[in-house]
N, C-alpha and C. Protein backbone atom coordinates (compact mmCIF):
# COMPACT_ATOMS: atom_id res chain seq x y z
N MET A 1 14.36 -11.93 38.29
CA MET A 1 13.24 -11.47 39.70
C MET A 1 11.98 -11.07 39.20
N ARG A 2 12.31 -9.56 38.98
CA ARG A 2 10.73 -9.12 38.83
C ARG A 2 9.96 -9.50 37.19
N ARG A 3 11.08 -9.78 36.61
CA ARG A 3 11.06 -9.39 35.01
C ARG A 3 9.85 -11.28 35.64
N LEU A 4 10.41 -11.94 36.38
CA LEU A 4 9.19 -13.11 36.39
C LEU A 4 8.50 -13.07 36.56
N PHE A 5 7.98 -12.09 38.36
CA PHE A 5 6.95 -11.18 38.12
C PHE A 5 6.14 -10.86 37.54
N VAL A 6 6.30 -10.65 36.42
CA VAL A 6 5.45 -9.26 36.10
C VAL A 6 4.78 -10.93 34.41
N VAL A 7 6.49 -11.15 34.17
CA VAL A 7 5.20 -12.72 33.23
C VAL A 7 4.29 -13.03 34.29
N LEU A 8 4.48 -13.29 35.38
CA LEU A 8 2.78 -14.80 35.93
C LEU A 8 2.40 -13.82 36.71
N SER A 9 2.44 -12.24 36.28
CA SER A 9 1.21 -12.12 37.39
C SER A 9 0.24 -11.02 36.49
N VAL A 10 0.35 -10.98 34.71
CA VAL A 10 0.09 -10.60 33.66
C VAL A 10 -1.24 -12.21 33.37
N PRO A 11 -1.12 -13.34 32.70
CA PRO A 11 -2.95 -14.38 33.47
C PRO A 11 -3.79 -13.84 34.66
N ALA A 12 -3.32 -13.57 35.37
CA ALA A 12 -3.49 -13.83 36.77
C ALA A 12 -4.31 -12.59 36.24
N VAL A 13 -4.10 -11.34 35.88
CA VAL A 13 -4.79 -10.29 36.46
C VAL A 13 -5.41 -10.85 35.20
N VAL A 14 -5.81 -10.76 33.48
CA VAL A 14 -6.63 -10.79 32.97
C VAL A 14 -7.73 -12.28 33.22
N ALA A 15 -6.98 -12.57 33.87
CA ALA A 15 -8.20 -13.59 33.91
C ALA A 15 -8.83 -13.68 35.19
N VAL A 16 -8.99 -13.04 36.16
CA VAL A 16 -9.84 -11.97 36.78
C VAL A 16 -11.33 -10.71 36.37
N PHE A 17 -9.59 -10.03 35.18
CA PHE A 17 -11.43 -9.18 34.29
C PHE A 17 -11.47 -10.15 33.09
N ALA A 18 -11.41 -10.37 32.49
CA ALA A 18 -12.43 -12.07 31.93
C ALA A 18 -13.47 -12.61 32.65
N ILE A 19 -13.10 -13.16 34.21
CA ILE A 19 -14.30 -13.78 34.98
C ILE A 19 -15.47 -12.67 34.37
N PRO A 20 -15.73 -11.52 34.94
CA PRO A 20 -17.57 -10.53 35.10
C PRO A 20 -17.74 -11.24 33.29
N ALA A 21 -17.00 -11.22 32.69
CA ALA A 21 -17.13 -11.17 31.08
C ALA A 21 -17.92 -12.20 30.61
N LEU A 22 -18.26 -13.82 31.19
CA LEU A 22 -18.35 -14.73 30.41
C LEU A 22 -19.89 -14.38 31.08
N ALA A 23 -20.81 -14.42 30.25
CA ALA A 23 -22.43 -14.82 30.79
C ALA A 23 -22.92 -16.04 30.61
N ALA A 24 -24.04 -15.64 30.56
CA ALA A 24 -23.95 -17.15 32.05
C ALA A 24 -25.40 -17.85 31.58
N THR A 25 -26.13 -19.43 31.48
CA THR A 25 -27.49 -19.93 30.27
C THR A 25 -28.26 -20.25 31.79
N ARG A 26 -28.91 -19.65 31.02
CA ARG A 26 -30.27 -20.70 32.54
C ARG A 26 -31.22 -20.68 31.78
N SER A 27 -31.84 -21.76 32.42
CA SER A 27 -32.80 -22.88 31.50
C SER A 27 -34.25 -23.13 31.84
N VAL A 28 -34.63 -22.84 31.58
CA VAL A 28 -36.78 -22.69 30.92
C VAL A 28 -37.17 -24.33 30.80
N LYS A 29 -38.43 -24.50 32.01
CA LYS A 29 -38.69 -26.18 31.07
C LYS A 29 -40.11 -25.90 30.95
N VAL A 30 -40.18 -26.43 29.67
CA VAL A 30 -41.44 -26.90 28.31
C VAL A 30 -42.03 -27.84 28.63
N GLY A 31 -43.18 -27.73 29.98
CA GLY A 31 -44.11 -29.14 29.79
C GLY A 31 -45.48 -29.12 29.06
N ASP A 32 -45.79 -29.42 29.44
CA ASP A 32 -47.14 -30.06 28.98
C ASP A 32 -48.20 -28.52 29.63
N ASN A 33 -47.80 -28.22 28.42
CA ASN A 33 -48.86 -26.70 28.79
C ASN A 33 -48.77 -25.21 30.31
N TYR A 34 -47.72 -24.97 29.92
CA TYR A 34 -46.47 -25.16 30.81
C TYR A 34 -45.22 -24.40 30.23
N PHE A 35 -44.43 -23.26 30.71
CA PHE A 35 -43.45 -23.39 30.73
C PHE A 35 -43.32 -23.18 32.21
N VAL A 36 -41.40 -22.75 32.37
CA VAL A 36 -41.61 -22.89 34.32
C VAL A 36 -42.24 -23.82 35.14
N ARG A 37 -43.27 -23.96 35.19
CA ARG A 37 -43.51 -24.73 36.88
C ARG A 37 -46.11 -23.86 35.97
N GLU A 38 -46.58 -25.73 36.25
CA GLU A 38 -47.93 -25.47 36.24
C GLU A 38 -47.99 -23.88 36.79
N GLY A 39 -49.85 -23.27 36.46
CA GLY A 39 -49.93 -21.55 37.37
C GLY A 39 -49.96 -21.00 35.98
N SER A 40 -50.28 -19.99 37.31
CA SER A 40 -49.73 -18.13 36.83
C SER A 40 -48.82 -18.17 35.32
N THR A 41 -48.46 -17.59 34.92
CA THR A 41 -47.68 -16.82 34.03
C THR A 41 -46.01 -16.97 34.83
N PRO A 42 -44.82 -17.46 34.46
CA PRO A 42 -44.04 -17.09 35.09
C PRO A 42 -43.01 -15.79 34.76
N THR A 43 -42.39 -15.22 35.19
CA THR A 43 -41.54 -14.15 35.29
C THR A 43 -39.93 -14.35 35.23
N VAL A 44 -38.88 -14.67 34.13
CA VAL A 44 -37.96 -15.52 34.17
C VAL A 44 -36.53 -13.90 33.99
N SER A 45 -35.52 -13.81 34.70
CA SER A 45 -35.45 -12.40 34.41
C SER A 45 -33.27 -13.47 34.27
N VAL A 46 -32.76 -12.77 33.41
CA VAL A 46 -31.36 -12.81 33.11
C VAL A 46 -30.85 -11.16 33.11
N LYS A 47 -29.57 -11.81 32.23
CA LYS A 47 -29.06 -10.06 32.08
C LYS A 47 -28.36 -10.50 30.56
N LYS A 48 -28.39 -9.14 30.10
CA LYS A 48 -28.11 -8.66 28.87
C LYS A 48 -27.32 -9.46 27.86
N ASN A 49 -25.94 -10.47 27.21
CA ASN A 49 -25.90 -11.74 26.69
C ASN A 49 -26.10 -12.72 27.10
N ASP A 50 -26.62 -12.71 28.63
CA ASP A 50 -27.37 -14.74 28.44
C ASP A 50 -27.50 -15.29 27.51
N THR A 51 -27.54 -16.96 28.05
CA THR A 51 -27.77 -17.01 27.08
C THR A 51 -29.83 -18.11 27.64
N VAL A 52 -30.45 -18.24 27.10
CA VAL A 52 -31.77 -19.11 27.84
C VAL A 52 -31.77 -20.34 26.37
N LYS A 53 -32.15 -21.49 28.05
CA LYS A 53 -32.22 -22.92 26.67
C LYS A 53 -33.75 -23.42 27.75
N TRP A 54 -34.12 -23.68 26.66
CA TRP A 54 -35.75 -23.94 27.00
C TRP A 54 -35.58 -25.31 26.60
N ASN A 55 -35.93 -26.33 27.37
CA ASN A 55 -36.14 -27.56 27.38
C ASN A 55 -37.60 -28.32 27.43
N PHE A 56 -37.56 -28.65 25.41
CA PHE A 56 -38.85 -29.54 26.02
C PHE A 56 -38.87 -30.58 26.55
N ALA A 57 -40.28 -30.70 28.01
CA ALA A 57 -40.06 -32.42 28.46
C ALA A 57 -41.69 -31.87 28.18
N GLY A 58 -41.97 -34.08 28.34
CA GLY A 58 -43.60 -34.07 27.84
C GLY A 58 -43.88 -34.78 27.00
N GLU A 59 -45.17 -34.68 26.76
CA GLU A 59 -45.30 -35.36 25.82
C GLU A 59 -46.57 -34.41 23.97
N ASN A 60 -46.68 -33.22 24.76
CA ASN A 60 -46.96 -32.45 23.62
C ASN A 60 -45.72 -32.00 22.73
N PRO A 61 -46.29 -31.54 21.36
CA PRO A 61 -45.09 -30.44 20.80
C PRO A 61 -45.50 -29.52 20.96
N HIS A 62 -44.05 -28.23 21.55
CA HIS A 62 -44.47 -26.66 21.67
C HIS A 62 -43.99 -26.05 21.26
N ASN A 63 -44.04 -24.43 21.08
CA ASN A 63 -42.46 -24.09 20.56
C ASN A 63 -42.30 -22.51 21.11
N VAL A 64 -41.62 -21.80 21.57
CA VAL A 64 -40.86 -20.62 22.26
C VAL A 64 -40.79 -19.76 21.26
N THR A 65 -42.29 -18.56 21.06
CA THR A 65 -42.48 -17.13 20.55
C THR A 65 -42.55 -15.41 21.00
N VAL A 66 -41.28 -14.84 20.80
CA VAL A 66 -41.70 -13.66 21.36
C VAL A 66 -42.74 -12.60 20.59
N THR A 67 -44.59 -13.05 21.17
CA THR A 67 -45.10 -11.93 20.12
C THR A 67 -44.70 -10.09 20.96
N ARG A 68 -43.61 -10.00 21.34
CA ARG A 68 -44.52 -8.25 21.83
C ARG A 68 -42.82 -8.36 22.63
N GLY A 69 -41.64 -7.60 22.63
CA GLY A 69 -40.84 -8.02 23.12
C GLY A 69 -39.30 -6.47 21.18
N PRO A 70 -38.36 -6.61 22.38
CA PRO A 70 -37.03 -5.42 21.38
C PRO A 70 -37.04 -6.78 19.60
N VAL A 71 -37.10 -8.17 20.23
CA VAL A 71 -36.49 -8.33 19.43
C VAL A 71 -37.50 -9.82 19.30
N LYS A 72 -37.69 -9.29 17.97
CA LYS A 72 -38.92 -10.81 17.93
C LYS A 72 -37.31 -12.45 17.47
N PHE A 73 -38.35 -13.61 17.87
CA PHE A 73 -37.64 -14.64 17.54
C PHE A 73 -38.62 -15.67 18.40
N LYS A 74 -37.87 -17.08 16.89
CA LYS A 74 -38.65 -18.04 17.60
C LYS A 74 -38.76 -19.67 17.02
N SER A 75 -38.61 -20.34 18.27
CA SER A 75 -37.54 -22.21 18.40
C SER A 75 -39.47 -22.74 17.75
N PRO A 76 -38.17 -23.55 16.71
CA PRO A 76 -38.61 -24.86 16.01
C PRO A 76 -40.06 -25.83 17.09
N THR A 77 -40.98 -25.82 16.43
CA THR A 77 -42.03 -27.00 17.31
C THR A 77 -41.55 -28.48 17.92
N LYS A 78 -41.31 -28.37 18.97
CA LYS A 78 -40.63 -29.88 19.03
C LYS A 78 -41.44 -30.30 20.49
N SER A 79 -41.24 -31.71 20.55
CA SER A 79 -41.66 -32.03 21.70
C SER A 79 -40.36 -32.32 23.16
N SER A 80 -39.17 -33.22 22.64
CA SER A 80 -38.13 -33.06 23.62
C SER A 80 -37.15 -32.50 22.74
N GLY A 81 -36.02 -32.43 22.88
CA GLY A 81 -35.34 -31.22 23.04
C GLY A 81 -34.83 -30.15 23.82
N SER A 82 -33.96 -29.20 23.46
CA SER A 82 -34.11 -28.66 23.56
C SER A 82 -33.70 -27.43 22.84
N TYR A 83 -33.54 -26.09 22.58
CA TYR A 83 -33.48 -24.76 21.77
C TYR A 83 -32.87 -23.71 22.91
N ARG A 84 -31.97 -22.88 21.89
CA ARG A 84 -31.07 -22.09 23.00
C ARG A 84 -31.82 -20.51 22.15
N LYS A 85 -31.63 -19.78 22.93
CA LYS A 85 -30.93 -18.38 22.37
C LYS A 85 -30.53 -17.26 23.03
N LYS A 86 -29.59 -17.13 22.86
CA LYS A 86 -28.92 -15.61 23.21
C LYS A 86 -29.15 -14.06 23.11
N VAL A 87 -29.39 -13.45 24.53
CA VAL A 87 -29.96 -12.56 23.89
C VAL A 87 -28.97 -11.24 24.55
N THR A 88 -29.80 -10.58 23.50
CA THR A 88 -27.81 -9.32 23.37
C THR A 88 -29.11 -8.09 23.60
N ARG A 89 -30.59 -7.79 23.39
CA ARG A 89 -31.36 -6.37 23.85
C ARG A 89 -32.04 -6.56 24.98
N ALA A 90 -32.29 -5.90 26.11
CA ALA A 90 -32.56 -5.39 27.30
C ALA A 90 -33.90 -5.29 27.17
N GLY A 91 -34.99 -5.50 28.22
CA GLY A 91 -35.94 -4.96 28.26
C GLY A 91 -37.07 -6.59 28.20
N LEU A 92 -38.28 -6.01 28.38
CA LEU A 92 -39.50 -7.40 28.24
C LEU A 92 -40.06 -7.83 27.32
N TYR A 93 -39.92 -8.83 27.36
CA TYR A 93 -39.93 -10.56 26.49
C TYR A 93 -41.30 -11.41 26.80
N ARG A 94 -42.48 -10.88 25.85
CA ARG A 94 -43.14 -12.11 25.66
C ARG A 94 -43.85 -12.59 25.14
N ILE A 95 -43.81 -14.63 25.68
CA ILE A 95 -43.55 -15.08 24.71
C ILE A 95 -44.31 -16.16 25.24
N VAL A 96 -45.18 -16.94 24.05
CA VAL A 96 -45.85 -17.52 24.54
C VAL A 96 -45.96 -19.13 22.71
N CYS A 97 -46.25 -19.66 23.76
CA CYS A 97 -46.68 -21.00 22.98
C CYS A 97 -47.95 -21.20 21.63
N THR A 98 -47.17 -21.21 20.77
CA THR A 98 -48.58 -20.21 19.13
C THR A 98 -49.62 -21.87 19.32
N VAL A 99 -48.82 -23.55 19.31
CA VAL A 99 -49.69 -24.71 19.74
C VAL A 99 -50.72 -24.20 20.76
N HIS A 100 -50.05 -23.42 21.84
CA HIS A 100 -50.88 -23.57 22.87
C HIS A 100 -51.16 -21.38 23.59
N SER A 101 -52.49 -21.85 23.17
CA SER A 101 -52.17 -19.70 23.31
C SER A 101 -52.48 -19.53 24.80
N GLY A 102 -53.02 -20.46 25.91
CA GLY A 102 -52.57 -20.74 26.90
C GLY A 102 -50.99 -20.77 27.53
N GLN A 103 -51.00 -21.54 26.84
CA GLN A 103 -48.90 -20.62 27.68
C GLN A 103 -47.82 -20.22 27.31
N ARG A 104 -47.65 -19.37 29.21
CA ARG A 104 -47.10 -18.12 28.25
C ARG A 104 -46.88 -17.48 29.09
N MET A 105 -45.31 -16.59 29.17
CA MET A 105 -44.17 -16.95 29.97
C MET A 105 -43.73 -15.15 30.01
N ASN A 106 -43.06 -14.46 30.12
CA ASN A 106 -42.42 -13.37 30.57
C ASN A 106 -40.75 -13.19 30.67
N LEU A 107 -40.23 -12.76 29.32
CA LEU A 107 -38.40 -12.66 29.91
C LEU A 107 -37.75 -11.32 30.02
N ARG A 108 -37.51 -11.28 31.22
CA ARG A 108 -37.05 -9.92 32.07
C ARG A 108 -35.76 -10.29 31.25
N VAL A 109 -34.87 -8.68 30.60
CA VAL A 109 -33.48 -9.29 30.12
C VAL A 109 -32.60 -7.35 30.51
N ARG A 110 -32.49 -7.98 31.90
CA ARG A 110 -31.56 -6.85 32.32
C ARG A 110 -30.32 -6.11 31.78
N SER A 111 -29.67 -4.73 31.06
CA SER A 111 -29.16 -4.37 30.58
C SER A 111 -27.23 -4.57 31.75
N LYS A 112 -27.54 -5.01 32.85
CA LYS A 112 -26.46 -4.73 33.74
C LYS A 112 -27.46 -6.23 34.55
């Protein structure tokens, strides 16, 4: 009976410790000339190893381009679909659309 308890308990213990290790996905809307919402420059916060998914909507083409941050990356220019990036380095990322100079956002990646 004790052996059966150990055999059944091990997967449950492993599952409990594995759950915090799962990374999240945060969605960001990319609309006509804005990230997230129209108005001021938004800041989106995520944890290290999370994935950020930019969803392209509207009629105008846009891209996601890091101008300053721990790691630089750039999406293709598109007007529909999405772009995903797993962020593995903590810090503040300044992001713009190079097609529309006033379209900006900040991405804050926390270490915990």
